[in-house]
Amino acid sequence: MIRDIVIIGAGASGLMLTSLLKNRDVLVIDGNLNVGQKVLISGGGKCNITNGKVKPSNYFGNQRFIRNVIKRFDQDRLLKW
């Protein structure tokens, strides 16, 4: 069977991308038995980005990049999505 798009990885990014690909025949492949299994364990099972106190200093890595990501897509926009 031919698909329009194949996404490798059923974590947060892969699932979010899949949700945005309306009217496309999408196949999601993941190494885990359950889709979204990694999302369930993030933040101790609470998915840490929906926390009310999201700030760049809570994350490791390039603080400028993280600040820009949070500014464009914060926890409020995520919950609304």
PDB file of N, CA and C in Angstrom:
ATOM      1  N   MET A   1       0.836  -1.174   0.000  1.00  0.00           N
ATOM      2  CA  MET A   1       0.000   0.000   0.000  1.00  0.00           C
ATOM      3  C   MET A   1       0.886   1.245   0.000  1.00  0.00           C
ATOM      4  N   ILE A   2       0.584   2.180  -0.845  1.00  0.00           N
ATOM      5  CA  ILE A   2       1.349   3.418  -0.944  1.00  0.00           C
ATOM      6  C   ILE A   2       0.702   4.478  -0.042  1.00  0.00           C
ATOM      7  N   ARG A   3       1.537   5.173   0.710  1.00  0.00           N
ATOM      8  CA  ARG A   3       1.081   6.237   1.609  1.00  0.00           C
ATOM      9  C   ARG A   3       1.597   7.577   1.113  1.00  0.00           C
ATOM     10  N   ASP A   4       0.880   8.641   1.436  1.00  0.00           N
ATOM     11  CA  ASP A   4       1.362   9.983   1.104  1.00  0.00           C
ATOM     12  C   ASP A   4       2.605  10.318   1.917  1.00  0.00           C
ATOM     13  N   ILE A   5       2.540   9.977   3.208  1.00  0.00           N
ATOM     14  CA  ILE A   5       3.610  10.353   4.139  1.00  0.00           C
ATOM     15  C   ILE A   5       3.809   9.236   5.156  1.00  0.00           C
ATOM     16  N   VAL A   6       5.078   8.949   5.480  1.00  0.00           N
ATOM     17  CA  VAL A   6       5.412   8.016   6.538  1.00  0.00           C
ATOM     18  C   VAL A   6       6.200   8.793   7.586  1.00  0.00           C
ATOM     19  N   ILE A   7       5.735   8.742   8.822  1.00  0.00           N
ATOM     20  CA  ILE A   7       6.413   9.416   9.930  1.00  0.00           C
ATOM     21  C   ILE A   7       7.036   8.345  10.803  1.00  0.00           C
ATOM     22  N   ILE A   8       8.331   8.479  11.032  1.00  0.00           N
ATOM     23  CA  ILE A   8       9.032   7.527  11.884  1.00  0.00           C
ATOM     24  C   ILE A   8       9.177   8.163  13.253  1.00  0.00           C
ATOM     25  N   GLY A   9       8.501   7.583  14.223  1.00  0.00           N
ATOM     26  CA  GLY A   9       8.531   8.089  15.586  1.00  0.00           C
ATOM     27  C   GLY A   9       7.167   8.571  16.026  1.00  0.00           C
ATOM     28  N   ALA A  10       6.564   7.869  16.964  1.00  0.00           N
ATOM     29  CA  ALA A  10       5.236   8.227  17.476  1.00  0.00           C
ATOM     30  C   ALA A  10       5.343   8.895  18.833  1.00  0.00           C
ATOM     31  N   GLY A  11       6.362   9.750  18.965  1.00  0.00           N
ATOM     32  CA  GLY A  11       6.484  10.566  20.172  1.00  0.00           C
ATOM     33  C   GLY A  11       5.705  11.855  19.983  1.00  0.00           C
ATOM     34  N   ALA A  12       5.973  12.831  20.812  1.00  0.00           N
ATOM     35  CA  ALA A  12       5.220  14.091  20.778  1.00  0.00           C
ATOM     36  C   ALA A  12       5.288  14.767  19.406  1.00  0.00           C
ATOM     37  N   SER A  13       6.476  14.881  18.835  1.00  0.00           N
ATOM     38  CA  SER A  13       6.618  15.570  17.546  1.00  0.00           C
ATOM     39  C   SER A  13       5.926  14.823  16.425  1.00  0.00           C
ATOM     40  N   GLY A  14       6.126  13.520  16.366  1.00  0.00           N
ATOM     41  CA  GLY A  14       5.503  12.730  15.315  1.00  0.00           C
ATOM     42  C   GLY A  14       3.990  12.760  15.384  1.00  0.00           C
ATOM     43  N   LEU A  15       3.445  12.675  16.588  1.00  0.00           N
ATOM     44  CA  LEU A  15       1.988  12.699  16.747  1.00  0.00           C
ATOM     45  C   LEU A  15       1.409  14.077  16.452  1.00  0.00           C
ATOM     46  N   MET A  16       2.129  15.127  16.842  1.00  0.00           N
ATOM     47  CA  MET A  16       1.628  16.468  16.551  1.00  0.00           C
ATOM     48  C   MET A  16       1.627  16.712  15.047  1.00  0.00           C
ATOM     49  N   LEU A  17       2.708  16.327  14.381  1.00  0.00           N
ATOM     50  CA  LEU A  17       2.767  16.476  12.930  1.00  0.00           C
ATOM     51  C   LEU A  17       1.635  15.697  12.266  1.00  0.00           C
ATOM     52  N   THR A  18       1.409  14.486  12.711  1.00  0.00           N
ATOM     53  CA  THR A  18       0.335  13.664  12.154  1.00  0.00           C
ATOM     54  C   THR A  18      -1.012  14.366  12.295  1.00  0.00           C
ATOM     55  N   SER A  19      -1.254  14.993  13.433  1.00  0.00           N
ATOM     56  CA  SER A  19      -2.540  15.661  13.659  1.00  0.00           C
ATOM     57  C   SER A  19      -2.746  16.851  12.729  1.00  0.00           C
ATOM     58  N   LEU A  20      -1.650  17.418  12.230  1.00  0.00           N
ATOM     59  CA  LEU A  20      -1.741  18.582  11.349  1.00  0.00           C
ATOM     60  C   LEU A  20      -1.870  18.209   9.877  1.00  0.00           C
ATOM     61  N   LEU A  21      -1.677  16.956   9.547  1.00  0.00           N
ATOM     62  CA  LEU A  21      -1.707  16.513   8.153  1.00  0.00           C
ATOM     63  C   LEU A  21      -3.097  16.009   7.767  1.00  0.00           C
ATOM     64  N   LYS A  22      -4.026  16.909   7.721  1.00  0.00           N
ATOM     65  CA  LYS A  22      -5.410  16.567   7.389  1.00  0.00           C
ATOM     66  C   LYS A  22      -5.502  16.158   5.917  1.00  0.00           C
ATOM     67  N   ASN A  23      -6.407  15.258   5.619  1.00  0.00           N
ATOM     68  CA  ASN A  23      -6.671  14.797   4.252  1.00  0.00           C
ATOM     69  C   ASN A  23      -5.458  14.168   3.579  1.00  0.00           C
ATOM     70  N   ARG A  24      -4.569  13.582   4.372  1.00  0.00           N
ATOM     71  CA  ARG A  24      -3.408  12.873   3.842  1.00  0.00           C
ATOM     72  C   ARG A  24      -3.428  11.457   4.379  1.00  0.00           C
ATOM     73  N   ASP A  25      -2.909  10.528   3.608  1.00  0.00           N
ATOM     74  CA  ASP A  25      -2.814   9.134   4.039  1.00  0.00           C
ATOM     75  C   ASP A  25      -1.467   8.976   4.738  1.00  0.00           C
ATOM     76  N   VAL A  26      -1.484   8.950   6.072  1.00  0.00           N
ATOM     77  CA  VAL A  26      -0.266   8.971   6.880  1.00  0.00           C
ATOM     78  C   VAL A  26      -0.100   7.648   7.619  1.00  0.00           C
ATOM     79  N   LEU A  27       1.131   7.144   7.606  1.00  0.00           N
ATOM     80  CA  LEU A  27       1.493   5.960   8.381  1.00  0.00           C
ATOM     81  C   LEU A  27       2.517   6.398   9.422  1.00  0.00           C
ATOM     82  N   VAL A  28       2.267   6.067  10.698  1.00  0.00           N
ATOM     83  CA  VAL A  28       3.201   6.386  11.778  1.00  0.00           C
ATOM     84  C   VAL A  28       3.822   5.085  12.255  1.00  0.00           C
ATOM     85  N   ILE A  29       5.153   5.059  12.287  1.00  0.00           N
ATOM     86  CA  ILE A  29       5.895   3.867  12.705  1.00  0.00           C
ATOM     87  C   ILE A  29       6.690   4.220  13.961  1.00  0.00           C
ATOM     88  N   ASP A  30       6.648   3.331  14.947  1.00  0.00           N
ATOM     89  CA  ASP A  30       7.403   3.565  16.174  1.00  0.00           C
ATOM     90  C   ASP A  30       7.955   2.245  16.691  1.00  0.00           C
ATOM     91  N   GLY A  31       9.049   2.309  17.409  1.00  0.00           N
ATOM     92  CA  GLY A  31       9.668   1.118  17.971  1.00  0.00           C
ATOM     93  C   GLY A  31       8.954   0.584  19.203  1.00  0.00           C
ATOM     94  N   ASN A  32       8.161   1.430  19.855  1.00  0.00           N
ATOM     95  CA  ASN A  32       7.401   0.997  21.035  1.00  0.00           C
ATOM     96  C   ASN A  32       6.120   0.300  20.610  1.00  0.00           C
ATOM     97  N   LEU A  33       5.599  -0.513  21.481  1.00  0.00           N
ATOM     98  CA  LEU A  33       4.356  -1.221  21.187  1.00  0.00           C
ATOM     99  C   LEU A  33       3.154  -0.282  21.144  1.00  0.00           C
ATOM    100  N   ASN A  34       3.153   0.753  21.968  1.00  0.00           N
ATOM    101  CA  ASN A  34       2.027   1.679  22.044  1.00  0.00           C
ATOM    102  C   ASN A  34       2.406   3.045  21.495  1.00  0.00           C
ATOM    103  N   VAL A  35       1.538   3.597  20.667  1.00  0.00           N
ATOM    104  CA  VAL A  35       1.745   4.940  20.129  1.00  0.00           C
ATOM    105  C   VAL A  35       1.673   5.938  21.285  1.00  0.00           C
ATOM    106  N   GLY A  36       2.593   6.887  21.321  1.00  0.00           N
ATOM    107  CA  GLY A  36       2.600   7.906  22.360  1.00  0.00           C
ATOM    108  C   GLY A  36       3.141   7.450  23.697  1.00  0.00           C
ATOM    109  N   GLN A  37       3.753   6.284  23.735  1.00  0.00           N
ATOM    110  CA  GLN A  37       4.260   5.743  25.000  1.00  0.00           C
ATOM    111  C   GLN A  37       5.275   6.686  25.653  1.00  0.00           C
ATOM    112  N   LYS A  38       6.135   7.305  24.848  1.00  0.00           N
ATOM    113  CA  LYS A  38       7.138   8.220  25.395  1.00  0.00           C
ATOM    114  C   LYS A  38       6.492   9.470  25.994  1.00  0.00           C
ATOM    115  N   VAL A  39       5.401   9.924  25.393  1.00  0.00           N
ATOM    116  CA  VAL A  39       4.714  11.107  25.899  1.00  0.00           C
ATOM    117  C   VAL A  39       4.139  10.825  27.285  1.00  0.00           C
ATOM    118  N   LEU A  40       3.633   9.633  27.483  1.00  0.00           N
ATOM    119  CA  LEU A  40       3.038   9.280  28.769  1.00  0.00           C
ATOM    120  C   LEU A  40       4.033   9.311  29.916  1.00  0.00           C
ATOM    121  N   ILE A  41       5.305   9.020  29.627  1.00  0.00           N
ATOM    122  CA  ILE A  41       6.288   8.982  30.708  1.00  0.00           C
ATOM    123  C   ILE A  41       6.990  10.315  30.922  1.00  0.00           C
ATOM    124  N   SER A  42       6.820  11.277  30.003  1.00  0.00           N
ATOM    125  CA  SER A  42       7.514  12.559  30.156  1.00  0.00           C
ATOM    126  C   SER A  42       6.923  13.341  31.322  1.00  0.00           C
ATOM    127  N   GLY A  43       7.760  14.009  32.036  1.00  0.00           N
ATOM    128  CA  GLY A  43       7.304  14.813  33.174  1.00  0.00           C
ATOM    129  C   GLY A  43       6.644  13.996  34.253  1.00  0.00           C
ATOM    130  N   GLY A  44       7.110  12.764  34.439  1.00  0.00           N
ATOM    131  CA  GLY A  44       6.525  11.903  35.461  1.00  0.00           C
ATOM    132  C   GLY A  44       5.081  11.533  35.167  1.00  0.00           C
ATOM    133  N   GLY A  45       4.756  11.467  33.877  1.00  0.00           N
ATOM    134  CA  GLY A  45       3.393  11.126  33.474  1.00  0.00           C
ATOM    135  C   GLY A  45       2.472  12.326  33.380  1.00  0.00           C
ATOM    136  N   LYS A  46       3.026  13.525  33.554  1.00  0.00           N
ATOM    137  CA  LYS A  46       2.198  14.740  33.537  1.00  0.00           C
ATOM    138  C   LYS A  46       2.493  15.630  32.342  1.00  0.00           C
ATOM    139  N   CYS A  47       3.346  15.182  31.448  1.00  0.00           N
ATOM    140  CA  CYS A  47       3.723  15.950  30.249  1.00  0.00           C
ATOM    141  C   CYS A  47       4.145  17.369  30.635  1.00  0.00           C
ATOM    142  N   ASN A  48       5.412  17.553  30.899  1.00  0.00           N
ATOM    143  CA  ASN A  48       5.930  18.752  31.552  1.00  0.00           C
ATOM    144  C   ASN A  48       5.708  20.079  30.838  1.00  0.00           C
ATOM    145  N   ILE A  49       5.325  20.123  29.569  1.00  0.00           N
ATOM    146  CA  ILE A  49       5.142  21.425  28.913  1.00  0.00           C
ATOM    147  C   ILE A  49       3.813  22.082  29.282  1.00  0.00           C
ATOM    148  N   THR A  50       2.858  21.332  29.801  1.00  0.00           N
ATOM    149  CA  THR A  50       1.581  21.942  30.166  1.00  0.00           C
ATOM    150  C   THR A  50       1.589  22.474  31.598  1.00  0.00           C
ATOM    151  N   ASN A  51       2.727  22.446  32.221  1.00  0.00           N
ATOM    152  CA  ASN A  51       2.896  23.006  33.551  1.00  0.00           C
ATOM    153  C   ASN A  51       2.650  24.516  33.488  1.00  0.00           C
ATOM    154  N   GLY A  52       2.050  25.073  34.498  1.00  0.00           N
ATOM    155  CA  GLY A  52       1.759  26.509  34.533  1.00  0.00           C
ATOM    156  C   GLY A  52       2.979  27.391  34.681  1.00  0.00           C
ATOM    157  N   LYS A  53       4.124  26.816  35.011  1.00  0.00           N
ATOM    158  CA  LYS A  53       5.335  27.614  35.229  1.00  0.00           C
ATOM    159  C   LYS A  53       6.430  27.226  34.237  1.00  0.00           C
ATOM    160  N   VAL A  54       6.093  27.251  32.959  1.00  0.00           N
ATOM    161  CA  VAL A  54       7.080  26.914  31.932  1.00  0.00           C
ATOM    162  C   VAL A  54       7.985  28.113  31.709  1.00  0.00           C
ATOM    163  N   LYS A  55       9.287  27.893  31.843  1.00  0.00           N
ATOM    164  CA  LYS A  55      10.258  28.945  31.574  1.00  0.00           C
ATOM    165  C   LYS A  55      11.530  28.289  31.037  1.00  0.00           C
ATOM    166  N   PRO A  56      12.286  28.994  30.225  1.00  0.00           N
ATOM    167  CA  PRO A  56      13.475  28.411  29.588  1.00  0.00           C
ATOM    168  C   PRO A  56      14.472  27.814  30.565  1.00  0.00           C
ATOM    169  N   SER A  57      14.605  28.388  31.744  1.00  0.00           N
ATOM    170  CA  SER A  57      15.600  27.882  32.696  1.00  0.00           C
ATOM    171  C   SER A  57      15.254  26.486  33.218  1.00  0.00           C
ATOM    172  N   ASN A  58      14.041  26.009  32.962  1.00  0.00           N
ATOM    173  CA  ASN A  58      13.658  24.657  33.363  1.00  0.00           C
ATOM    174  C   ASN A  58      14.156  23.591  32.391  1.00  0.00           C
ATOM    175  N   TYR A  59      14.742  23.999  31.287  1.00  0.00           N
ATOM    176  CA  TYR A  59      15.165  23.071  30.239  1.00  0.00           C
ATOM    177  C   TYR A  59      16.659  23.191  29.991  1.00  0.00           C
ATOM    178  N   PHE A  60      17.275  22.069  29.649  1.00  0.00           N
ATOM    179  CA  PHE A  60      18.688  22.057  29.289  1.00  0.00           C
ATOM    180  C   PHE A  60      18.830  22.436  27.822  1.00  0.00           C
ATOM    181  N   GLY A  61      19.942  23.019  27.469  1.00  0.00           N
ATOM    182  CA  GLY A  61      20.205  23.329  26.069  1.00  0.00           C
ATOM    183  C   GLY A  61      20.329  24.820  25.831  1.00  0.00           C
ATOM    184  N   ASN A  62      20.264  25.185  24.590  1.00  0.00           N
ATOM    185  CA  ASN A  62      20.427  26.562  24.147  1.00  0.00           C
ATOM    186  C   ASN A  62      19.243  27.397  24.645  1.00  0.00           C
ATOM    187  N   GLN A  63      19.486  28.252  25.619  1.00  0.00           N
ATOM    188  CA  GLN A  63      18.418  29.025  26.253  1.00  0.00           C
ATOM    189  C   GLN A  63      17.727  29.983  25.277  1.00  0.00           C
ATOM    190  N   ARG A  64      18.475  30.543  24.356  1.00  0.00           N
ATOM    191  CA  ARG A  64      17.874  31.444  23.358  1.00  0.00           C
ATOM    192  C   ARG A  64      16.881  30.680  22.489  1.00  0.00           C
ATOM    193  N   PHE A  65      17.273  29.508  22.019  1.00  0.00           N
ATOM    194  CA  PHE A  65      16.392  28.680  21.208  1.00  0.00           C
ATOM    195  C   PHE A  65      15.143  28.283  21.992  1.00  0.00           C
ATOM    196  N   ILE A  66      15.331  27.832  23.225  1.00  0.00           N
ATOM    197  CA  ILE A  66      14.211  27.392  24.061  1.00  0.00           C
ATOM    198  C   ILE A  66      13.256  28.558  24.322  1.00  0.00           C
ATOM    199  N   ARG A  67      13.799  29.730  24.604  1.00  0.00           N
ATOM    200  CA  ARG A  67      12.976  30.917  24.844  1.00  0.00           C
ATOM    201  C   ARG A  67      12.117  31.237  23.610  1.00  0.00           C
ATOM    202  N   ASN A  68      12.708  31.139  22.419  1.00  0.00           N
ATOM    203  CA  ASN A  68      11.964  31.401  21.188  1.00  0.00           C
ATOM    204  C   ASN A  68      10.859  30.369  20.954  1.00  0.00           C
ATOM    205  N   VAL A  69      11.143  29.101  21.251  1.00  0.00           N
ATOM    206  CA  VAL A  69      10.127  28.056  21.094  1.00  0.00           C
ATOM    207  C   VAL A  69       8.957  28.322  22.032  1.00  0.00           C
ATOM    208  N   ILE A  70       9.242  28.605  23.297  1.00  0.00           N
ATOM    209  CA  ILE A  70       8.189  28.839  24.283  1.00  0.00           C
ATOM    210  C   ILE A  70       7.389  30.092  23.929  1.00  0.00           C
ATOM    211  N   LYS A  71       8.063  31.116  23.411  1.00  0.00           N
ATOM    212  CA  LYS A  71       7.361  32.343  23.032  1.00  0.00           C
ATOM    213  C   LYS A  71       6.362  32.085  21.896  1.00  0.00           C
ATOM    214  N   ARG A  72       6.751  31.230  20.953  1.00  0.00           N
ATOM    215  CA  ARG A  72       5.885  30.952  19.800  1.00  0.00           C
ATOM    216  C   ARG A  72       4.799  29.926  20.096  1.00  0.00           C
ATOM    217  N   PHE A  73       5.084  28.998  21.008  1.00  0.00           N
ATOM    218  CA  PHE A  73       4.128  27.921  21.280  1.00  0.00           C
ATOM    219  C   PHE A  73       4.211  27.550  22.757  1.00  0.00           C
ATOM    220  N   ASP A  74       3.582  28.354  23.582  1.00  0.00           N
ATOM    221  CA  ASP A  74       3.648  28.124  25.027  1.00  0.00           C
ATOM    222  C   ASP A  74       2.615  27.090  25.474  1.00  0.00           C
ATOM    223  N   GLN A  75       2.564  26.841  26.780  1.00  0.00           N
ATOM    224  CA  GLN A  75       1.666  25.823  27.314  1.00  0.00           C
ATOM    225  C   GLN A  75       0.195  26.154  27.058  1.00  0.00           C
ATOM    226  N   ASP A  76      -0.159  27.436  27.034  1.00  0.00           N
ATOM    227  CA  ASP A  76      -1.550  27.809  26.775  1.00  0.00           C
ATOM    228  C   ASP A  76      -1.968  27.447  25.346  1.00  0.00           C
ATOM    229  N   ARG A  77      -1.079  27.723  24.384  1.00  0.00           N
ATOM    230  CA  ARG A  77      -1.380  27.356  22.995  1.00  0.00           C
ATOM    231  C   ARG A  77      -1.424  25.836  22.840  1.00  0.00           C
ATOM    232  N   LEU A  78      -0.545  25.131  23.548  1.00  0.00           N
ATOM    233  CA  LEU A  78      -0.556  23.669  23.475  1.00  0.00           C
ATOM    234  C   LEU A  78      -1.880  23.116  23.993  1.00  0.00           C
ATOM    235  N   LEU A  79      -2.330  23.603  25.122  1.00  0.00           N
ATOM    236  CA  LEU A  79      -3.595  23.112  25.686  1.00  0.00           C
ATOM    237  C   LEU A  79      -4.771  23.457  24.780  1.00  0.00           C
ATOM    238  N   LYS A  80      -4.734  24.638  24.156  1.00  0.00           N
ATOM    239  CA  LYS A  80      -5.792  25.018  23.231  1.00  0.00           C
ATOM    240  C   LYS A  80      -5.790  24.110  22.002  1.00  0.00           C
ATOM    241  N   TRP A  81      -4.573  23.755  21.514  1.00  0.00           N
ATOM    242  CA  TRP A  81      -4.443  22.845  20.372  1.00  0.00           C
ATOM    243  C   TRP A  81      -5.005  21.502  20.707  1.00  0.00           C
TER     244      TRP A  81
END
